[in-house]
Protein backbone atom coordinates (compact mmCIF):
# COMPACT_ATOMS: atom_id res chain seq x y z
CA UNK A 1 -1.40 -33.04 -1.54
CA UNK A 2 -2.55 -34.20 2.32
CA UNK A 3 -3.56 -36.89 4.24
CA UNK A 4 -7.25 -38.00 4.09
CA UNK A 5 -9.81 -38.77 6.26
CA UNK A 6 -9.13 -42.36 6.97
CA UNK A 7 -5.77 -41.58 7.87
CA UNK A 8 -3.44 -40.39 10.60
CA UNK A 9 -3.37 -36.92 11.37
CA UNK A 10 0.46 -35.92 10.24
CA UNK A 11 3.40 -35.30 12.37
CA UNK A 12 4.13 -31.33 12.93
CA UNK A 13 7.00 -32.06 11.20
CA UNK A 14 5.11 -32.65 8.68
CA UNK A 15 2.38 -30.29 9.11
CA UNK A 16 6.00 -27.18 10.17
CA UNK A 17 7.39 -28.29 6.64
CA UNK A 18 3.41 -27.68 4.81
CA UNK A 19 2.87 -24.16 6.90
CA UNK A 20 6.74 -23.30 5.01
CA UNK A 21 6.03 -24.88 1.81
CA UNK A 22 2.50 -22.67 1.45
CA UNK A 23 4.34 -19.21 2.94
CA UNK A 24 6.83 -19.67 0.50
CA UNK A 25 4.37 -20.39 -2.71
CA UNK A 26 2.27 -17.61 -0.85
CA UNK A 27 5.73 -15.15 -1.17
CA UNK A 28 6.06 -16.20 -4.65
CA UNK A 29 2.75 -15.36 -5.48
CA UNK A 30 3.07 -11.60 -3.48
CA UNK A 31 6.49 -10.92 -6.54
CA UNK A 32 4.90 -12.37 -8.96
CA UNK A 33 1.63 -9.59 -8.18
CA UNK A 34 3.81 -6.87 -7.67
CA UNK A 35 6.26 -7.57 -10.71
CA UNK A 36 3.35 -6.93 -12.44
CA UNK A 37 1.88 -3.72 -10.71
CA UNK A 38 5.96 -2.41 -11.48
CA UNK A 39 5.72 -3.36 -14.83
CA UNK A 40 1.88 -2.29 -15.46
CA UNK A 41 3.13 1.59 -13.30
CA UNK A 42 5.91 2.22 -15.04
CA UNK A 43 5.23 1.56 -19.26
CA UNK A 44 1.29 2.74 -19.01
CA UNK A 45 2.41 6.15 -17.24
CA UNK A 46 5.73 6.75 -17.43
CA UNK A 47 6.03 6.47 -13.55
CA UNK A 48 10.24 5.74 -11.92
CA UNK A 49 11.45 2.99 -11.13
CA UNK A 50 11.18 3.29 -7.49
CA UNK A 51 7.75 5.22 -7.52
CA UNK A 52 5.68 2.15 -9.71
CA UNK A 53 7.39 -0.41 -6.79
CA UNK A 54 5.84 2.68 -3.94
CA UNK A 55 2.46 2.75 -5.61
CA UNK A 56 2.33 -0.95 -6.07
CA UNK A 57 3.34 -2.53 -3.28
CA UNK A 58 0.54 0.44 -1.58
CA UNK A 59 -2.45 -0.94 -3.95
CA UNK A 60 -1.00 -4.19 -2.86
CA UNK A 61 -0.94 -4.53 0.59
CA UNK A 62 -4.63 -2.32 0.44
CA UNK A 63 -2.91 1.01 1.31
CA UNK A 64 -3.87 2.91 -1.79
CA UNK A 65 -2.33 4.75 -4.40
CA UNK A 66 0.59 7.30 -3.74
CA UNK A 67 1.34 8.09 -6.99
CA UNK A 68 -1.12 10.78 -8.98
CA UNK A 69 -2.15 8.78 -12.22
CA UNK A 70 -2.97 11.30 -15.12
CA UNK A 71 -2.70 9.33 -18.87
CA UNK A 72 -6.12 7.73 -19.29
CA UNK A 73 -4.24 3.85 -19.88
CA UNK A 74 -2.51 3.98 -16.55
CA UNK A 75 -5.93 5.08 -14.61
CA UNK A 76 -7.51 1.78 -16.31
CA UNK A 77 -4.76 -0.31 -15.22
CA UNK A 78 -4.65 1.24 -12.34
CA UNK A 79 -8.73 0.46 -11.76
CA UNK A 80 -7.73 -2.75 -12.99
CA UNK A 81 -4.89 -3.47 -10.81
CA UNK A 82 -6.44 -2.50 -7.41
CA UNK A 83 -9.43 -5.15 -8.44
CA UNK A 84 -6.49 -7.47 -9.07
CA UNK A 85 -5.20 -6.74 -5.74
CA UNK A 86 -8.48 -7.81 -3.66
CA UNK A 87 -7.93 -11.05 -5.06
CA UNK A 88 -4.66 -11.65 -4.81
CA UNK A 89 -4.66 -10.41 -0.94
CA UNK A 90 -7.83 -13.27 0.00
CA UNK A 91 -6.09 -15.91 -2.30
CA UNK A 92 -2.50 -15.49 -0.67
CA UNK A 93 -4.50 -15.29 2.94
CA UNK A 94 -6.29 -19.15 1.39
CA UNK A 95 -2.78 -20.24 0.60
CA UNK A 96 -1.28 -19.31 4.12
CA UNK A 97 -3.62 -20.69 6.42
CA UNK A 98 -4.81 -23.83 4.06
CA UNK A 99 -2.35 -25.82 5.97
CA UNK A 100 -3.73 -25.00 10.12
CA UNK A 101 -7.22 -25.34 8.23
CA UNK A 102 -6.43 -29.07 6.90
CA UNK A 103 -5.01 -29.88 10.41
CA UNK A 104 -8.09 -28.34 12.45
CA UNK A 105 -11.03 -29.62 10.13
CA UNK A 106 -9.45 -33.25 9.95
CA UNK A 107 -8.53 -33.10 13.90
CA UNK A 108 -11.71 -32.70 13.99
CA UNK A 109 -13.12 -35.83 11.81
CA UNK A 110 -10.64 -38.37 13.82
CA UNK A 111 -11.89 -41.90 14.60
CA UNK A 112 -11.24 -42.54 18.87
CA UNK A 113 -9.18 -45.75 19.34
């Protein structure tokens, strides 16, 4: 996907394209994770759509729950979704930072001419 250690450093427009592409992928992952939360809260505890969106957004961002979960199924879903959200957050940070980290490490390993 990226240039190997034997190749020259990619020009800035190529790098910016990679950053933009990874931000789009991270947003798609985030939208998918948010959809899982919205559907899960709505169908496991009967929370309204807007409250499900609000609660899923708050959990996914690391802020914490907003709506009180009453059912056992809802509480189980909420527990697993909170753990899943932490992993999703770390994954998204990795996706966003990958081009910059690759460029940094590649520039450190370039041979001087």
